[in-house]
Amino acid sequence: MEKKDNRMVSHIVALVLGIISVLTTFFYYISLPSGITAIVLGVKSYKKEGKKIGLAGMITGIVGVSICLLIYITLIIILVLNQSY
């Protein structure tokens, strides 16, 4: 009987979700949840296993969420300023 190796794959999931977050920055309903999940899983896997892929997932999640928030906050400011004239 073969013994299964129970390794966590959260670092890989964090990286994939971080990349999805960066690529879908114009769609907040995809970018924000995937970015936040990438940050959480990246932190967990980096602290628990010390995997650098978890750190990369955390960084890409932060970048994706930051760009998404920057775009939508800028759009809201532009819309508010345009309505005042």
N, C-alpha and C. Protein backbone atom coordinates (compact mmCIF):
# COMPACT_ATOMS: atom_id res chain seq x y z
N MET A 1 0.83 -1.17 0.00
CA MET A 1 0.00 0.00 0.00
C MET A 1 0.88 1.24 0.00
N GLU A 2 0.58 2.17 -0.88
CA GLU A 2 1.39 3.38 -0.99
C GLU A 2 0.96 4.40 0.04
N LYS A 3 1.94 5.10 0.52
CA LYS A 3 1.68 6.13 1.50
C LYS A 3 1.50 7.46 0.77
N LYS A 4 0.43 8.16 1.05
CA LYS A 4 0.18 9.44 0.40
C LYS A 4 0.88 10.55 1.17
N ASP A 5 1.45 11.47 0.42
CA ASP A 5 2.13 12.60 1.02
C ASP A 5 1.15 13.77 1.10
N ASN A 6 0.79 14.14 2.29
CA ASN A 6 -0.20 15.20 2.49
C ASN A 6 0.51 16.56 2.59
N ARG A 7 0.83 17.11 1.46
CA ARG A 7 1.45 18.43 1.42
C ARG A 7 0.38 19.47 1.15
N MET A 8 0.59 20.62 1.76
CA MET A 8 -0.35 21.72 1.51
C MET A 8 -0.03 22.33 0.15
N VAL A 9 -1.04 22.70 -0.55
CA VAL A 9 -0.84 23.34 -1.85
C VAL A 9 -1.36 24.77 -1.81
N SER A 10 -1.49 25.32 -0.61
CA SER A 10 -2.04 26.66 -0.49
C SER A 10 -1.12 27.71 -1.10
N HIS A 11 0.18 27.44 -1.15
CA HIS A 11 1.09 28.42 -1.76
C HIS A 11 0.86 28.51 -3.27
N ILE A 12 0.55 27.39 -3.89
CA ILE A 12 0.27 27.40 -5.33
C ILE A 12 -1.07 28.07 -5.60
N VAL A 13 -2.05 27.77 -4.77
CA VAL A 13 -3.37 28.40 -4.92
C VAL A 13 -3.26 29.91 -4.71
N ALA A 14 -2.45 30.33 -3.74
CA ALA A 14 -2.27 31.76 -3.48
C ALA A 14 -1.65 32.46 -4.69
N LEU A 15 -0.67 31.83 -5.32
CA LEU A 15 -0.05 32.43 -6.50
C LEU A 15 -1.03 32.52 -7.66
N VAL A 16 -1.78 31.47 -7.89
CA VAL A 16 -2.75 31.47 -8.99
C VAL A 16 -3.82 32.52 -8.75
N LEU A 17 -4.34 32.61 -7.53
CA LEU A 17 -5.36 33.61 -7.24
C LEU A 17 -4.80 35.03 -7.31
N GLY A 18 -3.55 35.20 -6.93
CA GLY A 18 -2.91 36.51 -7.06
C GLY A 18 -2.77 36.93 -8.51
N ILE A 19 -2.39 36.00 -9.36
CA ILE A 19 -2.28 36.31 -10.80
C ILE A 19 -3.66 36.62 -11.38
N ILE A 20 -4.67 35.87 -10.98
CA ILE A 20 -6.03 36.15 -11.44
C ILE A 20 -6.47 37.54 -10.98
N SER A 21 -6.10 37.90 -9.77
CA SER A 21 -6.45 39.21 -9.24
C SER A 21 -5.80 40.33 -10.05
N VAL A 22 -4.56 40.15 -10.44
CA VAL A 22 -3.88 41.17 -11.23
C VAL A 22 -4.47 41.25 -12.64
N LEU A 23 -4.78 40.12 -13.22
CA LEU A 23 -5.28 40.11 -14.60
C LEU A 23 -6.72 40.62 -14.71
N THR A 24 -7.49 40.56 -13.65
CA THR A 24 -8.89 40.97 -13.70
C THR A 24 -9.13 42.23 -12.87
N THR A 25 -8.22 43.20 -12.94
CA THR A 25 -8.35 44.38 -12.09
C THR A 25 -9.57 45.24 -12.43
N PHE A 26 -10.05 45.18 -13.66
CA PHE A 26 -11.21 45.99 -14.02
C PHE A 26 -12.52 45.37 -13.57
N PHE A 27 -12.50 44.14 -13.13
CA PHE A 27 -13.71 43.46 -12.65
C PHE A 27 -13.57 43.25 -11.14
N TYR A 28 -14.08 44.21 -10.38
CA TYR A 28 -13.88 44.19 -8.93
C TYR A 28 -14.48 42.96 -8.28
N TYR A 29 -15.56 42.42 -8.84
CA TYR A 29 -16.21 41.27 -8.23
C TYR A 29 -15.40 39.99 -8.40
N ILE A 30 -14.39 40.01 -9.25
CA ILE A 30 -13.46 38.88 -9.37
C ILE A 30 -12.14 39.22 -8.69
N SER A 31 -11.66 40.43 -8.92
CA SER A 31 -10.33 40.82 -8.46
C SER A 31 -10.23 40.91 -6.94
N LEU A 32 -11.18 41.55 -6.31
CA LEU A 32 -11.10 41.73 -4.86
C LEU A 32 -11.18 40.42 -4.08
N PRO A 33 -12.16 39.55 -4.34
CA PRO A 33 -12.18 38.29 -3.57
C PRO A 33 -10.96 37.40 -3.83
N SER A 34 -10.53 37.33 -5.09
CA SER A 34 -9.37 36.47 -5.37
C SER A 34 -8.09 37.08 -4.78
N GLY A 35 -7.98 38.39 -4.80
CA GLY A 35 -6.80 39.04 -4.22
C GLY A 35 -6.74 38.88 -2.71
N ILE A 36 -7.87 39.07 -2.06
CA ILE A 36 -7.90 38.92 -0.60
C ILE A 36 -7.63 37.47 -0.20
N THR A 37 -8.19 36.53 -0.94
CA THR A 37 -7.92 35.12 -0.66
C THR A 37 -6.46 34.78 -0.90
N ALA A 38 -5.87 35.36 -1.94
CA ALA A 38 -4.44 35.13 -2.22
C ALA A 38 -3.57 35.67 -1.09
N ILE A 39 -3.94 36.82 -0.55
CA ILE A 39 -3.17 37.39 0.56
C ILE A 39 -3.25 36.49 1.78
N VAL A 40 -4.45 36.04 2.11
CA VAL A 40 -4.63 35.20 3.31
C VAL A 40 -3.89 33.87 3.15
N LEU A 41 -4.07 33.21 2.01
CA LEU A 41 -3.39 31.92 1.81
C LEU A 41 -1.88 32.09 1.71
N GLY A 42 -1.43 33.19 1.11
CA GLY A 42 0.00 33.44 1.01
C GLY A 42 0.64 33.64 2.37
N VAL A 43 -0.03 34.39 3.23
CA VAL A 43 0.50 34.61 4.58
C VAL A 43 0.54 33.30 5.35
N LYS A 44 -0.54 32.53 5.26
CA LYS A 44 -0.59 31.24 5.98
C LYS A 44 0.52 30.30 5.52
N SER A 45 0.67 30.16 4.20
CA SER A 45 1.66 29.21 3.71
C SER A 45 3.07 29.70 3.94
N TYR A 46 3.28 31.01 3.89
CA TYR A 46 4.64 31.52 4.13
C TYR A 46 5.03 31.35 5.59
N LYS A 47 4.09 31.57 6.50
CA LYS A 47 4.39 31.40 7.93
C LYS A 47 4.54 29.93 8.30
N LYS A 48 3.69 29.09 7.72
CA LYS A 48 3.69 27.68 8.12
C LYS A 48 4.82 26.89 7.47
N GLU A 49 5.01 27.08 6.16
CA GLU A 49 5.98 26.27 5.44
C GLU A 49 7.21 27.04 4.99
N GLY A 50 7.15 28.35 4.99
CA GLY A 50 8.28 29.14 4.54
C GLY A 50 8.48 29.11 3.03
N LYS A 51 7.41 28.80 2.29
CA LYS A 51 7.51 28.72 0.83
C LYS A 51 7.55 30.11 0.22
N LYS A 52 8.49 30.32 -0.67
CA LYS A 52 8.60 31.62 -1.33
C LYS A 52 7.49 31.82 -2.36
N ILE A 53 6.89 30.74 -2.82
CA ILE A 53 5.75 30.88 -3.74
C ILE A 53 4.57 31.48 -2.98
N GLY A 54 4.43 31.15 -1.70
CA GLY A 54 3.39 31.76 -0.88
C GLY A 54 3.61 33.26 -0.74
N LEU A 55 4.86 33.67 -0.60
CA LEU A 55 5.19 35.09 -0.54
C LEU A 55 4.87 35.78 -1.86
N ALA A 56 5.16 35.11 -2.97
CA ALA A 56 4.83 35.66 -4.28
C ALA A 56 3.33 35.77 -4.46
N GLY A 57 2.57 34.80 -4.00
CA GLY A 57 1.12 34.86 -4.06
C GLY A 57 0.57 36.00 -3.23
N MET A 58 1.17 36.21 -2.07
CA MET A 58 0.74 37.31 -1.22
C MET A 58 1.03 38.66 -1.90
N ILE A 59 2.18 38.79 -2.51
CA ILE A 59 2.55 40.04 -3.18
C ILE A 59 1.66 40.30 -4.39
N THR A 60 1.41 39.28 -5.20
CA THR A 60 0.54 39.50 -6.36
C THR A 60 -0.90 39.80 -5.92
N GLY A 61 -1.34 39.22 -4.83
CA GLY A 61 -2.66 39.55 -4.29
C GLY A 61 -2.74 40.99 -3.84
N ILE A 62 -1.70 41.47 -3.17
CA ILE A 62 -1.66 42.86 -2.73
C ILE A 62 -1.65 43.80 -3.92
N VAL A 63 -0.86 43.47 -4.93
CA VAL A 63 -0.79 44.32 -6.13
C VAL A 63 -2.15 44.35 -6.83
N GLY A 64 -2.79 43.20 -6.98
CA GLY A 64 -4.09 43.13 -7.65
C GLY A 64 -5.16 43.93 -6.92
N VAL A 65 -5.22 43.79 -5.60
CA VAL A 65 -6.22 44.52 -4.81
C VAL A 65 -5.92 46.02 -4.86
N SER A 66 -4.65 46.38 -4.76
CA SER A 66 -4.28 47.80 -4.77
C SER A 66 -4.62 48.46 -6.09
N ILE A 67 -4.30 47.82 -7.18
CA ILE A 67 -4.62 48.40 -8.50
C ILE A 67 -6.13 48.51 -8.68
N CYS A 68 -6.85 47.48 -8.30
CA CYS A 68 -8.31 47.50 -8.43
C CYS A 68 -8.91 48.64 -7.62
N LEU A 69 -8.50 48.79 -6.37
CA LEU A 69 -9.02 49.86 -5.54
C LEU A 69 -8.63 51.22 -6.08
N LEU A 70 -7.41 51.35 -6.57
CA LEU A 70 -6.96 52.62 -7.14
C LEU A 70 -7.81 53.01 -8.35
N ILE A 71 -8.09 52.06 -9.22
CA ILE A 71 -8.90 52.33 -10.41
C ILE A 71 -10.30 52.78 -10.02
N TYR A 72 -10.94 52.04 -9.12
CA TYR A 72 -12.33 52.35 -8.78
C TYR A 72 -12.46 53.60 -7.91
N ILE A 73 -11.51 53.87 -7.05
CA ILE A 73 -11.54 55.11 -6.28
C ILE A 73 -11.34 56.30 -7.21
N THR A 74 -10.43 56.18 -8.18
CA THR A 74 -10.22 57.24 -9.16
C THR A 74 -11.48 57.49 -9.99
N LEU A 75 -12.14 56.43 -10.41
CA LEU A 75 -13.38 56.59 -11.17
C LEU A 75 -14.47 57.28 -10.35
N ILE A 76 -14.59 56.92 -9.09
CA ILE A 76 -15.59 57.56 -8.22
C ILE A 76 -15.28 59.03 -8.04
N ILE A 77 -14.02 59.37 -7.84
CA ILE A 77 -13.64 60.77 -7.70
C ILE A 77 -13.93 61.55 -8.97
N ILE A 78 -13.63 60.98 -10.11
CA ILE A 78 -13.91 61.64 -11.37
C ILE A 78 -15.40 61.86 -11.57
N LEU A 79 -16.20 60.86 -11.24
CA LEU A 79 -17.65 61.00 -11.37
C LEU A 79 -18.21 62.06 -10.42
N VAL A 80 -17.71 62.12 -9.22
CA VAL A 80 -18.19 63.11 -8.26
C VAL A 80 -17.79 64.51 -8.69
N LEU A 81 -16.57 64.67 -9.19
CA LEU A 81 -16.12 65.99 -9.64
C LEU A 81 -16.87 66.44 -10.88
N ASN A 82 -17.22 65.53 -11.75
CA ASN A 82 -17.95 65.90 -12.97
C ASN A 82 -19.39 66.31 -12.66
N GLN A 83 -19.98 65.75 -11.63
CA GLN A 83 -21.36 66.10 -11.30
C GLN A 83 -21.46 67.45 -10.59
N SER A 84 -20.37 67.93 -10.06
CA SER A 84 -20.41 69.21 -9.35
C SER A 84 -20.40 70.40 -10.31
N TYR A 85 -20.06 70.16 -11.57
CA TYR A 85 -20.04 71.27 -12.55
C TYR A 85 -21.31 71.36 -13.32
